[in-house]
Amino acid sequence: MADLDLTELHGALTDRALNSMNFLNEVAQHYPNAISLAAGRPAEQFYAVEDLHSYLDTFCDYLRDELGYDEAAVRRTIFQYGRTKGIVHQLVARNLLADEDITVDPEALVVTVGCQEAMVLALRALRATPADVLLAVSPAYVGITGAARLLDLAVLPVAGGNGGVDFDDLVAVIKTARADGLRPRACYVMPDFANPSGLSLDLDTRQRLLDVAAEQDLLLLEDNPYGLFPAEGIERLPTLKALDTERRVIYLGSFAKTALPGARVGYVVADQVVAHPDGTTSLLADELSKIKSMLTVNTSAIGQAMIGGKLLQHDCSLVAANERERATYAENLRALTEGLAARFPGGEVSWNVPSGGFFLVVTVPFVVDDALLAKSAQEYGVLWTPMSHFYDGDTPIHALRLSCSSVTPAEIEPALDRLAALIRDQL
């Protein structure tokens, strides 16, 4: 029998981050009768199967009419292995210009299998020696932590503070790491409606973060899955990449929330110039594509065609294409915050009020863990996410994350009633 011992496999397999990713992705399946305020999935009521055929037809027309492909080339593009860096890179570049005011050479883009692969590519390239470390504003999306663990890249947390980034702590972490012989390569940050905190960086904080990155010779990994979903009356702010004048920002993008999660299409903008020993240069995107060629070979042409078709049908802008979704999330977020206020007027329970996105955080005077979540699902019929999944270490965390994205308005009131009953019983 060729049985294996877990201790003889890669250490990341016992890491909390990897267990958390599977847990968060599958928890609703274990409790199908519970109302879920846990899932960060986009709303499904606007999906239609017939749209998929329309997207594919639109993309094929684009190949013929705009790129001049004959029928054989169209079939080859859709059915065969494709270009490693992607086949919708030009459309993604047009989308970035239209929606984010980011001007980028399409060759500086790598189209990836979801944003998760984009993270892995960037971290794999940056992790050159055991001394290299990643900084991440805490609490951090568990996907970036898990990806780093798989690559043996240590993650150093940076305090978020009231403004989203504690700059004193950021500089202190960098200096301490360097004094210890480590090399901070980049800092991961989600400036818009962050997962899990829901916090956003104001314009001054964004500019200061770029300034500190320049002063400390640090790259920034900007992740922006929720930027198109500000609440009603909230103006969108420029991304770090749109403000970036020194190519400090590696931009991680996803179409999972704004187009179609089932397509599994993301991308990375890596326009940094890489110097070679022979005096030549390349784009960082070109180097990332080498890694991708050994990881996934290429991103599904069918998935890319779906995203490309949707982009083309909306002039490569997804702002208008997501007006219904934005309104839904804003209404649900308001229902959550107002519902919490109605149920907990005394101050023993507190929560933040994000300016958009999918998530908010509820702080309670007792420890929140997976055991309490299981009790909540089994006995009270409501799911949520323990915030402990987004922190390193074993420090007890007194907070939980609620998501407003995949729940219907009719489910929010009973879900909050059930959550309130659980919290009152714990109190």
Protein backbone atom coordinates (compact mmCIF):
# COMPACT_ATOMS: atom_id res chain seq x y z
CA MET A 1 0.00 0.00 0.00
CA ALA A 2 1.45 3.35 -1.03
CA ASP A 3 -0.11 5.23 1.89
CA LEU A 4 1.33 8.58 2.86
CA ASP A 5 1.93 10.47 6.07
CA LEU A 6 0.63 14.05 6.14
CA THR A 7 3.80 15.16 7.93
CA GLU A 8 5.79 14.08 4.87
CA LEU A 9 3.76 16.26 2.49
CA HIS A 10 4.09 19.99 2.00
CA GLY A 11 3.62 21.87 5.25
CA ALA A 12 1.00 24.17 3.77
CA LEU A 13 -1.48 21.27 3.71
CA THR A 14 -1.88 21.62 7.47
CA ASP A 15 -2.01 25.41 7.36
CA ARG A 16 -5.16 27.12 8.58
CA ALA A 17 -5.36 29.26 5.45
CA LEU A 18 -5.80 26.28 3.13
CA ASN A 19 -8.35 24.68 5.43
CA SER A 20 -10.18 28.02 5.63
CA MET A 21 -10.46 28.40 1.86
CA ASN A 22 -12.13 25.00 1.48
CA PHE A 23 -14.28 25.58 4.54
CA LEU A 24 -15.56 28.95 3.39
CA ASN A 25 -16.23 27.69 -0.13
CA GLU A 26 -18.18 24.62 0.98
CA VAL A 27 -19.79 25.44 4.33
CA ALA A 28 -23.20 26.22 2.82
CA GLN A 29 -23.32 22.75 1.25
CA HIS A 30 -23.09 21.19 4.71
CA TYR A 31 -26.07 23.20 6.00
CA PRO A 32 -28.46 23.56 3.04
CA ASN A 33 -31.40 24.58 5.21
CA ALA A 34 -29.61 27.49 6.85
CA ILE A 35 -29.88 31.01 5.45
CA SER A 36 -26.39 32.03 4.36
CA LEU A 37 -24.92 35.39 5.27
CA ALA A 38 -21.52 33.81 4.66
CA ALA A 39 -21.05 33.43 0.92
CA GLY A 40 -19.26 36.18 -0.99
CA ARG A 41 -20.79 35.05 -4.26
CA PRO A 42 -22.45 37.48 -6.66
CA ALA A 43 -26.23 37.61 -6.99
CA GLU A 44 -27.57 34.90 -9.30
CA GLN A 45 -30.99 36.24 -10.24
CA PHE A 46 -29.63 38.16 -13.23
CA TYR A 47 -28.00 35.15 -14.91
CA ALA A 48 -29.56 33.54 -17.98
CA VAL A 49 -28.22 30.48 -19.80
CA GLU A 50 -29.13 31.97 -23.17
CA ASP A 51 -26.73 34.83 -22.49
CA LEU A 52 -23.83 32.39 -22.77
CA HIS A 53 -24.67 31.63 -26.38
CA SER A 54 -24.99 35.33 -27.10
CA TYR A 55 -21.60 36.10 -25.53
CA LEU A 56 -19.93 33.36 -27.57
CA ASP A 57 -21.51 34.59 -30.82
CA THR A 58 -20.49 38.17 -30.07
CA PHE A 59 -16.89 37.18 -29.40
CA CYS A 60 -16.69 35.11 -32.57
CA ASP A 61 -18.03 38.07 -34.55
CA TYR A 62 -15.29 40.18 -32.96
CA LEU A 63 -12.66 37.70 -34.10
CA ARG A 64 -14.00 37.85 -37.66
CA ASP A 65 -14.89 41.51 -38.01
CA GLU A 66 -12.36 43.32 -35.85
CA LEU A 67 -9.37 40.97 -35.89
CA GLY A 68 -9.93 39.64 -39.43
CA TYR A 69 -9.92 35.94 -38.59
CA ASP A 70 -11.24 33.46 -41.15
CA GLU A 71 -13.53 30.62 -40.04
CA ALA A 72 -10.66 28.21 -39.48
CA ALA A 73 -8.90 30.71 -37.23
CA VAL A 74 -12.11 31.38 -35.29
CA ARG A 75 -12.59 27.66 -34.64
CA ARG A 76 -8.96 27.25 -33.69
CA THR A 77 -9.12 30.18 -31.26
CA ILE A 78 -12.20 28.86 -29.50
CA PHE A 79 -11.46 25.11 -29.51
CA GLN A 80 -7.70 24.85 -29.24
CA TYR A 81 -5.01 25.60 -26.74
CA GLY A 82 -4.47 29.33 -26.78
CA ARG A 83 -1.99 32.08 -26.22
CA THR A 84 -0.52 31.76 -22.72
CA LYS A 85 -1.11 35.41 -21.86
CA GLY A 86 -4.71 35.21 -23.04
CA ILE A 87 -6.90 35.96 -26.04
CA VAL A 88 -9.01 38.77 -24.53
CA HIS A 89 -6.09 40.93 -23.39
CA GLN A 90 -6.97 43.74 -25.76
CA LEU A 91 -10.56 43.81 -24.52
CA VAL A 92 -9.41 43.76 -20.89
CA ALA A 93 -7.15 46.71 -21.60
CA ARG A 94 -10.12 48.56 -23.11
CA ASN A 95 -12.18 47.69 -20.04
CA LEU A 96 -9.50 49.04 -17.70
CA LEU A 97 -9.40 52.30 -19.62
CA ALA A 98 -13.19 52.64 -19.69
CA ASP A 99 -13.94 51.70 -16.08
CA GLU A 100 -10.76 52.50 -14.15
CA ASP A 101 -9.00 55.15 -16.25
CA ILE A 102 -5.99 52.82 -16.37
CA THR A 103 -3.99 52.99 -19.58
CA VAL A 104 -2.08 49.77 -20.07
CA ASP A 105 -0.33 48.03 -22.93
CA PRO A 106 -2.31 44.82 -23.60
CA GLU A 107 1.02 42.99 -23.59
CA ALA A 108 1.40 43.91 -19.91
CA LEU A 109 -1.64 41.74 -19.14
CA VAL A 110 -1.81 38.05 -18.35
CA VAL A 111 -5.31 36.58 -18.41
CA THR A 112 -5.53 34.01 -15.62
CA VAL A 113 -7.71 31.23 -14.27
CA GLY A 114 -9.51 33.46 -11.82
CA CYS A 115 -7.76 36.07 -9.74
CA GLN A 116 -6.39 33.31 -7.52
CA GLU A 117 -3.98 32.25 -10.26
CA ALA A 118 -2.95 35.87 -10.74
CA MET A 119 -1.95 35.95 -7.08
CA VAL A 120 0.03 32.73 -7.37
CA LEU A 121 1.89 33.96 -10.47
CA ALA A 122 2.84 37.26 -8.87
CA LEU A 123 3.94 35.70 -5.58
CA ARG A 124 5.87 32.90 -7.30
CA ALA A 125 7.86 35.46 -9.31
CA LEU A 126 8.56 37.68 -6.30
CA ARG A 127 9.61 34.86 -3.98
CA ALA A 128 13.24 34.42 -5.03
CA THR A 129 14.86 33.38 -1.74
CA PRO A 130 13.75 32.25 1.74
CA ALA A 131 14.44 35.80 2.93
CA ASP A 132 11.63 37.24 0.79
CA VAL A 133 8.41 38.10 2.61
CA LEU A 134 4.99 39.47 1.74
CA LEU A 135 3.22 42.13 3.77
CA ALA A 136 -0.57 42.09 3.96
CA VAL A 137 -2.96 44.55 5.53
CA SER A 138 -4.77 42.63 8.27
CA PRO A 139 -7.35 41.13 8.34
CA ALA A 140 -6.49 39.80 4.90
CA TYR A 141 -8.31 37.77 2.27
CA VAL A 142 -7.49 34.15 3.05
CA GLY A 143 -6.73 33.41 -0.61
CA ILE A 144 -3.58 35.54 -0.61
CA THR A 145 -2.39 34.00 2.65
CA GLY A 146 -2.96 30.49 1.38
CA ALA A 147 -1.23 31.17 -1.92
CA ALA A 148 1.80 32.50 -0.06
CA ARG A 149 1.89 29.43 2.17
CA LEU A 150 1.97 27.13 -0.87
CA LEU A 151 4.97 29.05 -2.15
CA ASP A 152 6.83 29.07 1.18
CA LEU A 153 6.50 32.84 1.29
CA ALA A 154 6.10 34.23 4.80
CA VAL A 155 3.32 36.78 5.33
CA LEU A 156 3.80 39.64 7.79
CA PRO A 157 0.57 41.34 8.91
CA VAL A 158 0.22 45.13 8.83
CA ALA A 159 -2.37 46.78 11.05
CA GLY A 160 -5.32 48.30 9.25
CA GLY A 161 -6.09 51.06 11.74
CA ASN A 162 -9.10 53.33 11.41
CA GLY A 163 -8.12 54.53 7.94
CA GLY A 164 -7.52 51.12 6.41
CA VAL A 165 -3.71 51.19 6.67
CA ASP A 166 -1.68 52.03 9.77
CA PHE A 167 1.33 53.69 8.15
CA ASP A 168 3.40 53.75 11.32
CA ASP A 169 2.95 50.00 11.62
CA LEU A 170 3.63 49.48 7.90
CA VAL A 171 6.99 51.24 8.12
CA ALA A 172 7.82 49.53 11.41
CA VAL A 173 7.10 46.09 9.94
CA ILE A 174 9.29 46.86 6.92
CA LYS A 175 12.19 48.13 9.05
CA THR A 176 11.98 45.25 11.52
CA ALA A 177 11.91 42.72 8.70
CA ARG A 178 14.96 44.24 7.07
CA ALA A 179 16.79 44.37 10.40
CA ASP A 180 16.09 40.64 10.72
CA GLY A 181 17.67 39.98 7.33
CA LEU A 182 14.38 39.63 5.46
CA ARG A 183 13.41 41.32 2.20
CA PRO A 184 9.86 42.71 2.00
CA ARG A 185 8.87 42.38 -1.66
CA ALA A 186 5.33 43.70 -1.74
CA CYS A 187 2.31 44.63 0.34
CA TYR A 188 -1.09 43.15 -0.49
CA VAL A 189 -4.02 45.55 -0.14
CA MET A 190 -7.68 45.69 -1.18
CA PRO A 191 -8.48 49.44 -1.26
CA ASP A 192 -12.17 49.17 -2.18
CA PHE A 193 -14.68 47.47 0.16
CA ALA A 194 -12.12 44.96 1.34
CA ASN A 195 -12.82 41.30 2.02
CA PRO A 196 -13.34 40.67 4.90
CA SER A 197 -13.45 44.07 6.63
CA GLY A 198 -15.54 46.04 4.14
CA LEU A 199 -13.21 49.00 4.64
CA SER A 200 -12.09 51.36 1.87
CA LEU A 201 -9.12 53.70 1.61
CA ASP A 202 -9.84 57.38 1.07
CA LEU A 203 -7.99 59.29 -1.63
CA ASP A 204 -5.36 60.75 0.69
CA THR A 205 -4.61 57.30 2.11
CA ARG A 206 -4.23 55.85 -1.38
CA GLN A 207 -1.76 58.54 -2.37
CA ARG A 208 0.17 58.19 0.87
CA LEU A 209 0.37 54.43 0.41
CA LEU A 210 1.96 54.98 -3.00
CA ASP A 211 4.36 57.50 -1.48
CA VAL A 212 5.40 55.13 1.31
CA ALA A 213 5.85 52.31 -1.21
CA ALA A 214 8.21 54.54 -3.20
CA GLU A 215 10.11 55.63 -0.09
CA GLN A 216 10.49 52.05 1.11
CA ASP A 217 11.12 50.57 -2.37
CA LEU A 218 8.13 48.28 -2.08
CA LEU A 219 5.67 46.94 -4.63
CA LEU A 220 1.93 46.98 -3.97
CA LEU A 221 -0.37 44.11 -4.92
CA GLU A 222 -3.73 45.77 -5.48
CA ASP A 223 -6.74 43.44 -5.51
CA ASN A 224 -9.97 45.00 -6.77
CA PRO A 225 -12.91 42.58 -7.09
CA TYR A 226 -15.54 44.87 -5.55
CA GLY A 227 -14.69 48.33 -6.89
CA LEU A 228 -17.77 48.61 -9.11
CA PHE A 229 -20.14 48.28 -6.17
CA PRO A 230 -20.22 51.48 -4.11
CA ALA A 231 -23.39 52.10 -2.11
CA GLU A 232 -25.98 54.60 -3.27
CA GLY A 233 -24.61 58.13 -3.33
CA ILE A 234 -20.99 57.03 -2.98
CA GLU A 235 -18.57 58.13 -5.69
CA ARG A 236 -15.98 55.67 -6.91
CA LEU A 237 -12.36 56.55 -6.14
CA PRO A 238 -9.42 55.96 -8.48
CA THR A 239 -7.60 52.70 -8.00
CA LEU A 240 -4.02 52.67 -6.80
CA LYS A 241 -3.03 51.58 -10.30
CA ALA A 242 -4.76 54.61 -11.83
CA LEU A 243 -2.76 56.84 -9.46
CA ASP A 244 0.47 54.91 -9.95
CA THR A 245 3.15 56.89 -11.81
CA GLU A 246 6.16 54.69 -10.93
CA ARG A 247 4.87 51.21 -11.80
CA ARG A 248 4.74 50.34 -8.10
CA VAL A 249 1.41 48.56 -8.41
CA ILE A 250 0.80 45.04 -9.68
CA TYR A 251 -2.94 45.06 -10.32
CA LEU A 252 -4.98 41.91 -9.69
CA GLY A 253 -8.33 41.82 -11.47
CA SER A 254 -11.30 39.50 -11.62
CA PHE A 255 -14.49 39.14 -13.64
CA ALA A 256 -16.03 36.81 -11.07
CA LYS A 257 -18.11 39.48 -9.36
CA THR A 258 -18.74 41.77 -12.34
CA ALA A 259 -19.36 39.31 -15.18
CA LEU A 260 -19.48 35.56 -14.62
CA PRO A 261 -17.80 33.61 -11.79
CA GLY A 262 -18.27 30.28 -13.58
CA ALA A 263 -16.00 31.41 -16.40
CA ARG A 264 -13.08 31.55 -13.94
CA VAL A 265 -11.35 34.45 -15.68
CA GLY A 266 -9.11 36.96 -13.93
CA TYR A 267 -6.01 38.85 -14.90
CA VAL A 268 -2.91 40.58 -13.67
CA VAL A 269 -1.49 43.87 -14.90
CA ALA A 270 2.28 43.56 -14.56
CA ASP A 271 3.85 46.44 -16.49
CA GLN A 272 7.05 46.54 -14.44
CA VAL A 273 10.24 46.34 -16.52
CA VAL A 274 12.52 43.39 -15.72
CA ALA A 275 16.24 43.80 -16.40
CA HIS A 276 18.10 40.72 -17.66
CA PRO A 277 21.79 39.90 -17.06
CA ASP A 278 22.54 40.28 -20.76
CA GLY A 279 21.30 43.87 -20.75
CA THR A 280 17.92 43.17 -22.34
CA THR A 281 14.59 43.83 -20.66
CA SER A 282 11.12 42.34 -20.59
CA LEU A 283 7.78 43.08 -18.99
CA LEU A 284 7.00 41.35 -15.73
CA ALA A 285 3.89 40.03 -17.51
CA ASP A 286 6.16 38.11 -19.87
CA GLU A 287 7.91 36.49 -16.92
CA LEU A 288 4.59 35.63 -15.27
CA SER A 289 3.45 33.97 -18.49
CA LYS A 290 6.41 31.58 -18.23
CA ILE A 291 5.15 30.49 -14.82
CA LYS A 292 1.59 30.21 -16.11
CA SER A 293 2.73 27.99 -18.97
CA MET A 294 3.87 25.45 -16.37
CA LEU A 295 0.85 25.91 -14.11
CA THR A 296 -2.28 26.01 -16.28
CA VAL A 297 -0.79 26.30 -19.81
CA ASN A 298 -3.49 28.79 -20.75
CA THR A 299 -6.84 30.08 -19.52
CA SER A 300 -9.92 28.40 -20.99
CA ALA A 301 -10.68 29.91 -24.38
CA ILE A 302 -14.37 29.23 -23.81
CA GLY A 303 -14.29 31.10 -20.50
CA GLN A 304 -12.42 33.98 -22.08
CA ALA A 305 -14.88 34.09 -24.97
CA MET A 306 -17.78 34.45 -22.53
CA ILE A 307 -16.08 37.35 -20.78
CA GLY A 308 -14.98 38.88 -24.07
CA GLY A 309 -18.51 38.69 -25.44
CA LYS A 310 -20.00 40.34 -22.38
CA LEU A 311 -17.40 43.11 -22.54
CA LEU A 312 -18.10 43.70 -26.22
CA GLN A 313 -21.85 43.86 -25.64
CA HIS A 314 -21.27 46.71 -23.18
CA ASP A 315 -18.60 48.69 -25.06
CA CYS A 316 -15.98 47.13 -22.77
CA SER A 317 -17.43 48.88 -19.72
CA LEU A 318 -18.97 46.87 -16.90
CA VAL A 319 -20.22 49.84 -14.88
CA ALA A 320 -23.56 50.07 -16.67
CA ALA A 321 -23.70 46.29 -17.03
CA ASN A 322 -23.75 45.99 -13.23
CA GLU A 323 -26.30 48.68 -12.37
CA ARG A 324 -28.85 46.09 -11.20
CA GLU A 325 -26.24 44.25 -9.16
CA ARG A 326 -24.95 47.45 -7.60
CA ALA A 327 -28.46 48.46 -6.56
CA THR A 328 -29.13 44.99 -5.14
CA TYR A 329 -25.96 44.94 -3.05
CA ALA A 330 -26.54 48.49 -1.82
CA GLU A 331 -30.11 47.66 -0.79
CA ASN A 332 -29.02 44.47 0.96
CA LEU A 333 -26.15 46.21 2.73
CA ARG A 334 -28.54 48.89 3.99
CA ALA A 335 -30.98 46.21 5.15
CA LEU A 336 -28.23 44.49 7.11
CA THR A 337 -26.99 47.62 8.86
CA GLU A 338 -30.49 48.91 9.62
CA GLY A 339 -31.58 45.46 10.76
CA LEU A 340 -28.64 45.20 13.14
CA ALA A 341 -29.40 48.65 14.53
CA ALA A 342 -33.02 47.67 15.18
CA ARG A 343 -32.02 44.48 16.98
CA PHE A 344 -29.06 45.75 18.99
CA PRO A 345 -29.77 49.32 20.15
CA GLY A 346 -27.91 48.95 23.44
CA GLY A 347 -24.30 48.98 22.24
CA GLU A 348 -23.32 45.51 23.45
CA VAL A 349 -22.90 44.55 19.79
CA SER A 350 -21.24 46.83 17.21
CA TRP A 351 -20.62 46.74 13.45
CA ASN A 352 -19.07 48.83 10.74
CA VAL A 353 -21.05 50.49 7.95
CA PRO A 354 -19.07 50.05 4.71
CA SER A 355 -19.55 52.42 1.80
CA GLY A 356 -20.19 49.55 -0.59
CA GLY A 357 -19.16 46.03 -1.50
CA PHE A 358 -20.33 42.72 -0.08
CA PHE A 359 -19.22 42.59 3.55
CA LEU A 360 -19.51 44.07 7.02
CA VAL A 361 -18.04 42.99 10.36
CA VAL A 362 -20.01 42.50 13.58
CA THR A 363 -18.08 42.70 16.86
CA VAL A 364 -19.44 40.82 19.87
CA PRO A 365 -18.28 40.35 23.50
CA PHE A 366 -17.54 36.64 23.11
CA VAL A 367 -15.21 34.41 21.09
CA VAL A 368 -16.41 33.58 17.59
CA ASP A 369 -15.11 30.34 16.09
CA ASP A 370 -16.08 27.44 13.83
CA ALA A 371 -17.76 25.60 16.71
CA LEU A 372 -20.09 28.55 17.25
CA LEU A 373 -20.76 28.68 13.50
CA ALA A 374 -21.74 25.02 13.51
CA LYS A 375 -24.09 25.68 16.41
CA SER A 376 -25.53 28.68 14.57
CA ALA A 377 -26.19 26.60 11.46
CA GLN A 378 -27.60 23.55 13.22
CA GLU A 379 -29.66 25.15 15.98
CA TYR A 380 -30.47 28.62 14.64
CA GLY A 381 -30.46 28.12 10.87
CA VAL A 382 -28.13 30.94 9.85
CA LEU A 383 -24.60 30.96 8.41
CA TRP A 384 -21.92 33.65 8.69
CA THR A 385 -18.12 33.67 8.67
CA PRO A 386 -15.86 33.72 11.74
CA MET A 387 -13.34 36.54 11.36
CA SER A 388 -10.69 34.25 12.81
CA HIS A 389 -10.27 32.80 9.30
CA PHE A 390 -8.73 36.09 8.18
CA TYR A 391 -6.07 36.42 10.88
CA ASP A 392 -2.87 34.51 11.52
CA GLY A 393 -2.28 32.88 14.86
CA ASP A 394 -4.55 31.52 17.55
CA THR A 395 -5.61 34.75 19.23
CA PRO A 396 -9.35 34.54 20.01
CA ILE A 397 -11.37 36.81 17.73
CA HIS A 398 -14.63 38.41 18.85
CA ALA A 399 -16.07 39.20 15.44
CA LEU A 400 -17.92 37.69 12.49
CA ARG A 401 -18.35 38.67 8.86
CA LEU A 402 -21.73 39.07 7.19
CA SER A 403 -22.16 39.06 3.42
CA CYS A 404 -24.99 40.83 1.60
CA SER A 405 -24.33 39.61 -1.94
CA SER A 406 -26.02 36.25 -2.42
CA VAL A 407 -28.93 36.62 -0.01
CA THR A 408 -32.35 37.85 -1.11
CA PRO A 409 -34.14 40.75 0.61
CA ALA A 410 -36.80 38.32 1.79
CA GLU A 411 -34.15 36.25 3.58
CA ILE A 412 -32.37 39.09 5.36
CA GLU A 413 -34.97 39.73 8.08
CA PRO A 414 -35.33 36.09 9.21
CA ALA A 415 -31.55 35.63 8.94
CA LEU A 416 -30.97 38.60 11.25
CA ASP A 417 -33.67 37.33 13.63
CA ARG A 418 -31.84 34.02 13.85
CA LEU A 419 -28.47 35.71 14.29
CA ALA A 420 -29.87 37.97 16.99
CA ALA A 421 -31.27 34.96 18.85
CA LEU A 422 -27.87 33.28 18.74
CA ILE A 423 -26.05 36.40 19.96
CA ARG A 424 -28.55 37.02 22.78
CA ASP A 425 -28.22 33.42 23.93
CA GLN A 426 -24.44 33.75 23.93
CA LEU A 427 -24.67 36.98 25.89
